């Protein structure tokens, strides 16, 4: 089972997590350099998939959703592993990395290769999202600033 390998990964790397009742989903907090958020590690056994999400702590107010949608579109351009998503109905923002594991052994290294780029990218773009939401920075300027500082 993929879920067993995911459990082993997070135990071996000393993550504190909680399994959602009757689901193959783990929930855990993460504190980056630029903010704190909730992560979800989900397996879809029938589909042979592993998905890792970083969910930002506050939902986007309706009037800011077009700006964040633009920010996400600009941020996603040239990202190789994963993508940002926003639920337009409630404003939830998350970063998703996923892999299809059909006929592939879910090793520690493979899981690590989805988890670490996810949390790194979330932390990298977190200040830009906050700047668009709360400081009136344009989506274009926020993404440009992030890309120029890397």
C-alpha atoms as a PDB file:
ATOM      1  CA  UNK A   1       0.000   0.000   0.000  1.00  0.00           C
ATOM      2  CA  UNK A   2       1.145   3.498  -0.834  1.00  0.00           C
ATOM      3  CA  UNK A   3      -0.257   4.795   2.444  1.00  0.00           C
ATOM      4  CA  UNK A   4       2.094   2.535   4.426  1.00  0.00           C
ATOM      5  CA  UNK A   5       5.095   4.041   2.636  1.00  0.00           C
ATOM      6  CA  UNK A   6       3.779   7.560   3.283  1.00  0.00           C
ATOM      7  CA  UNK A   7       3.325   6.802   6.985  1.00  0.00           C
ATOM      8  CA  UNK A   8       6.845   5.389   7.143  1.00  0.00           C
ATOM      9  CA  UNK A   9       8.246   8.515   5.449  1.00  0.00           C
ATOM     10  CA  UNK A  10       6.654  10.952   7.898  1.00  0.00           C
ATOM     11  CA  UNK A  11       7.542   8.797  10.924  1.00  0.00           C
ATOM     12  CA  UNK A  12      11.159   8.427   9.808  1.00  0.00           C
ATOM     13  CA  UNK A  13      11.450  12.192   9.257  1.00  0.00           C
ATOM     14  CA  UNK A  14       9.829  12.918  12.655  1.00  0.00           C
ATOM     15  CA  UNK A  15       6.799  14.804  11.403  1.00  0.00           C
ATOM     16  CA  UNK A  16       3.910  15.214  13.842  1.00  0.00           C
ATOM     17  CA  UNK A  17       0.703  14.278  12.066  1.00  0.00           C
ATOM     18  CA  UNK A  18      -2.850  13.090  12.570  1.00  0.00           C
ATOM     19  CA  UNK A  19      -4.656  10.670  10.303  1.00  0.00           C
ATOM     20  CA  UNK A  20      -8.111  11.796   9.235  1.00  0.00           C
ATOM     21  CA  UNK A  21     -10.723   9.268  10.417  1.00  0.00           C
ATOM     22  CA  UNK A  22     -11.339   6.399   7.988  1.00  0.00           C
ATOM     23  CA  UNK A  23      -9.215   8.016   5.279  1.00  0.00           C
ATOM     24  CA  UNK A  24      -5.750   7.623   3.831  1.00  0.00           C
ATOM     25  CA  UNK A  25      -4.993  11.283   4.565  1.00  0.00           C
ATOM     26  CA  UNK A  26      -2.534  12.724   7.072  1.00  0.00           C
ATOM     27  CA  UNK A  27      -2.823  16.297   8.351  1.00  0.00           C
ATOM     28  CA  UNK A  28       0.164  18.151   9.783  1.00  0.00           C
ATOM     29  CA  UNK A  29       1.313  21.677  10.483  1.00  0.00           C
ATOM     30  CA  UNK A  30       4.394  23.198   8.926  1.00  0.00           C
ATOM     31  CA  UNK A  31       6.319  26.330   9.859  1.00  0.00           C
ATOM     32  CA  UNK A  32       8.440  27.828   7.145  1.00  0.00           C
ATOM     33  CA  UNK A  33      10.705  30.854   7.148  1.00  0.00           C
ATOM     34  CA  UNK A  34       7.853  33.038   5.871  1.00  0.00           C
ATOM     35  CA  UNK A  35       4.752  31.585   7.497  1.00  0.00           C
ATOM     36  CA  UNK A  36       2.839  28.647   8.937  1.00  0.00           C
ATOM     37  CA  UNK A  37       0.292  26.477   7.180  1.00  0.00           C
ATOM     38  CA  UNK A  38      -1.385  23.067   7.157  1.00  0.00           C
ATOM     39  CA  UNK A  39      -0.223  20.176   4.996  1.00  0.00           C
ATOM     40  CA  UNK A  40      -2.142  17.123   3.840  1.00  0.00           C
ATOM     41  CA  UNK A  41      -0.579  13.914   2.561  1.00  0.00           C
ATOM     42  CA  UNK A  42      -3.194  11.904   0.688  1.00  0.00           C
ATOM     43  CA  UNK A  43      -3.032   8.574  -1.055  1.00  0.00           C
ATOM     44  CA  UNK A  44      -5.566   7.323  -3.557  1.00  0.00           C
ATOM     45  CA  UNK A  45      -4.897   3.615  -3.490  1.00  0.00           C
ATOM     46  CA  UNK A  46      -7.261   2.606  -6.322  1.00  0.00           C
ATOM     47  CA  UNK A  47      -5.741   5.224  -8.617  1.00  0.00           C
ATOM     48  CA  UNK A  48      -2.201   4.517  -7.323  1.00  0.00           C
ATOM     49  CA  UNK A  49      -1.586   8.210  -6.561  1.00  0.00           C
ATOM     50  CA  UNK A  50       0.131  10.236  -3.858  1.00  0.00           C
ATOM     51  CA  UNK A  51      -0.794  13.906  -3.430  1.00  0.00           C
ATOM     52  CA  UNK A  52       0.759  16.420  -1.048  1.00  0.00           C
ATOM     53  CA  UNK A  53      -0.948  19.753  -0.335  1.00  0.00           C
ATOM     54  CA  UNK A  54       0.154  22.882   1.492  1.00  0.00           C
ATOM     55  CA  UNK A  55      -2.959  24.854   2.432  1.00  0.00           C
ATOM     56  CA  UNK A  56      -2.480  28.504   3.318  1.00  0.00           C
ATOM     57  CA  UNK A  57      -3.927  29.669   6.632  1.00  0.00           C
ATOM     58  CA  UNK A  58      -6.496  32.200   5.459  1.00  0.00           C
ATOM     59  CA  UNK A  59      -9.045  32.136   2.674  1.00  0.00           C
ATOM     60  CA  UNK A  60      -9.028  34.916   0.108  1.00  0.00           C
ATOM     61  CA  UNK A  61     -11.869  37.431   0.437  1.00  0.00           C
ATOM     62  CA  UNK A  62     -14.136  37.452  -2.595  1.00  0.00           C
ATOM     63  CA  UNK A  63     -13.025  40.907  -3.759  1.00  0.00           C
ATOM     64  CA  UNK A  64      -9.340  39.805  -3.787  1.00  0.00           C
ATOM     65  CA  UNK A  65      -9.879  36.519  -5.681  1.00  0.00           C
ATOM     66  CA  UNK A  66      -9.218  38.009  -9.139  1.00  0.00           C
ATOM     67  CA  UNK A  67      -5.881  39.427  -7.908  1.00  0.00           C
ATOM     68  CA  UNK A  68      -4.865  36.129  -6.310  1.00  0.00           C
ATOM     69  CA  UNK A  69      -5.954  34.239  -9.442  1.00  0.00           C
ATOM     70  CA  UNK A  70      -3.598  36.460 -11.428  1.00  0.00           C
ATOM     71  CA  UNK A  71      -0.823  35.976  -8.868  1.00  0.00           C
ATOM     72  CA  UNK A  72      -1.277  32.187  -9.038  1.00  0.00           C
ATOM     73  CA  UNK A  73      -1.228  32.199 -12.849  1.00  0.00           C
ATOM     74  CA  UNK A  74       1.962  34.244 -12.880  1.00  0.00           C
ATOM     75  CA  UNK A  75       3.559  32.155 -10.104  1.00  0.00           C
ATOM     76  CA  UNK A  76       2.690  28.833 -11.769  1.00  0.00           C
ATOM     77  CA  UNK A  77       4.401  29.831 -15.010  1.00  0.00           C
ATOM     78  CA  UNK A  78       7.786  28.048 -15.071  1.00  0.00           C
ATOM     79  CA  UNK A  79       7.145  26.007 -11.904  1.00  0.00           C
ATOM     80  CA  UNK A  80       8.308  22.498 -12.728  1.00  0.00           C
ATOM     81  CA  UNK A  81       7.092  20.492  -9.732  1.00  0.00           C
ATOM     82  CA  UNK A  82       3.551  21.281  -8.614  1.00  0.00           C
ATOM     83  CA  UNK A  83       1.173  24.204  -8.882  1.00  0.00           C
ATOM     84  CA  UNK A  84      -0.854  26.684  -6.874  1.00  0.00           C
ATOM     85  CA  UNK A  85      -4.646  26.368  -6.854  1.00  0.00           C
ATOM     86  CA  UNK A  86      -7.452  28.516  -5.506  1.00  0.00           C
ATOM     87  CA  UNK A  87     -10.999  27.390  -4.842  1.00  0.00           C
ATOM     88  CA  UNK A  88     -13.029  30.285  -6.229  1.00  0.00           C
ATOM     89  CA  UNK A  89     -16.054  29.309  -4.124  1.00  0.00           C
ATOM     90  CA  UNK A  90     -14.375  29.821  -0.729  1.00  0.00           C
ATOM     91  CA  UNK A  91     -10.966  31.366  -1.484  1.00  0.00           C
ATOM     92  CA  UNK A  92      -8.820  28.488  -0.216  1.00  0.00           C
ATOM     93  CA  UNK A  93      -5.278  28.601  -1.620  1.00  0.00           C
ATOM     94  CA  UNK A  94      -3.074  25.539  -1.750  1.00  0.00           C
ATOM     95  CA  UNK A  95       0.043  24.241  -3.421  1.00  0.00           C
ATOM     96  CA  UNK A  96      -0.183  20.705  -4.818  1.00  0.00           C
ATOM     97  CA  UNK A  97       2.410  18.152  -5.815  1.00  0.00           C
ATOM     98  CA  UNK A  98       1.298  14.725  -7.011  1.00  0.00           C
ATOM     99  CA  UNK A  99       2.558  11.558  -8.624  1.00  0.00           C
ATOM    100  CA  UNK A 100       1.038   8.523 -10.259  1.00  0.00           C
ATOM    101  CA  UNK A 101       2.686   5.434  -8.749  1.00  0.00           C
ATOM    102  CA  UNK A 102       1.283   2.771 -11.052  1.00  0.00           C
ATOM    103  CA  UNK A 103       3.928   0.018 -11.074  1.00  0.00           C
ATOM    104  CA  UNK A 104       6.338   2.245  -9.103  1.00  0.00           C
ATOM    105  CA  UNK A 105       7.616   1.558  -5.594  1.00  0.00           C
ATOM    106  CA  UNK A 106       6.877   4.568  -3.316  1.00  0.00           C
ATOM    107  CA  UNK A 107      10.343   4.983  -1.804  1.00  0.00           C
ATOM    108  CA  UNK A 108      11.457   7.479   0.817  1.00  0.00           C
ATOM    109  CA  UNK A 109      13.380   9.414  -1.862  1.00  0.00           C
ATOM    110  CA  UNK A 110      10.380   9.563  -4.174  1.00  0.00           C
ATOM    111  CA  UNK A 111       8.027  10.832  -1.451  1.00  0.00           C
ATOM    112  CA  UNK A 112      10.706  13.295  -0.323  1.00  0.00           C
ATOM    113  CA  UNK A 113      10.885  14.555  -3.916  1.00  0.00           C
ATOM    114  CA  UNK A 114       7.245  15.657  -3.701  1.00  0.00           C
ATOM    115  CA  UNK A 115       7.113  16.917  -0.122  1.00  0.00           C
ATOM    116  CA  UNK A 116      10.231  19.113  -0.033  1.00  0.00           C
ATOM    117  CA  UNK A 117       9.640  21.049  -3.279  1.00  0.00           C
ATOM    118  CA  UNK A 118       6.060  21.612  -2.109  1.00  0.00           C
ATOM    119  CA  UNK A 119       6.942  23.184   1.222  1.00  0.00           C
ATOM    120  CA  UNK A 120       9.888  25.089  -0.275  1.00  0.00           C
ATOM    121  CA  UNK A 121       7.747  26.600  -3.040  1.00  0.00           C
ATOM    122  CA  UNK A 122       4.904  27.426  -0.658  1.00  0.00           C
ATOM    123  CA  UNK A 123       7.327  29.207   1.663  1.00  0.00           C
ATOM    124  CA  UNK A 124       8.984  31.017  -1.243  1.00  0.00           C
ATOM    125  CA  UNK A 125       5.696  32.442  -2.582  1.00  0.00           C
ATOM    126  CA  UNK A 126       3.940  32.940   0.775  1.00  0.00           C
ATOM    127  CA  UNK A 127       5.138  36.567   1.219  1.00  0.00           C
ATOM    128  CA  UNK A 128       3.930  37.469  -2.264  1.00  0.00           C
ATOM    129  CA  UNK A 129       0.457  36.116  -1.594  1.00  0.00           C
ATOM    130  CA  UNK A 130       0.316  38.046   1.676  1.00  0.00           C
ATOM    131  CA  UNK A 131       1.561  41.219  -0.061  1.00  0.00           C
ATOM    132  CA  UNK A 132      -1.212  40.992  -2.665  1.00  0.00           C
ATOM    133  CA  UNK A 133      -3.829  40.229  -0.009  1.00  0.00           C
ATOM    134  CA  UNK A 134      -2.870  42.771   2.647  1.00  0.00           C
ATOM    135  CA  UNK A 135      -0.385  45.329   1.300  1.00  0.00           C
ATOM    136  CA  UNK A 136      -1.949  46.304  -2.011  1.00  0.00           C
ATOM    137  CA  UNK A 137       0.980  44.991  -4.066  1.00  0.00           C
ATOM    138  CA  UNK A 138       0.039  44.074  -7.638  1.00  0.00           C
ATOM    139  CA  UNK A 139       0.203  40.378  -8.579  1.00  0.00           C
ATOM    140  CA  UNK A 140       2.791  41.119 -11.259  1.00  0.00           C
ATOM    141  CA  UNK A 141       5.041  43.077  -8.893  1.00  0.00           C
ATOM    142  CA  UNK A 142       4.731  40.438  -6.159  1.00  0.00           C
ATOM    143  CA  UNK A 143       5.788  37.584  -8.457  1.00  0.00           C
ATOM    144  CA  UNK A 144       8.552  39.665 -10.057  1.00  0.00           C
ATOM    145  CA  UNK A 145       9.953  40.492  -6.620  1.00  0.00           C
ATOM    146  CA  UNK A 146       9.970  36.795  -5.629  1.00  0.00           C
ATOM    147  CA  UNK A 147      11.634  35.678  -8.860  1.00  0.00           C
ATOM    148  CA  UNK A 148      14.265  38.446  -8.639  1.00  0.00           C
ATOM    149  CA  UNK A 149      15.169  37.550  -5.053  1.00  0.00           C
ATOM    150  CA  UNK A 150      15.879  33.877  -5.861  1.00  0.00           C
END
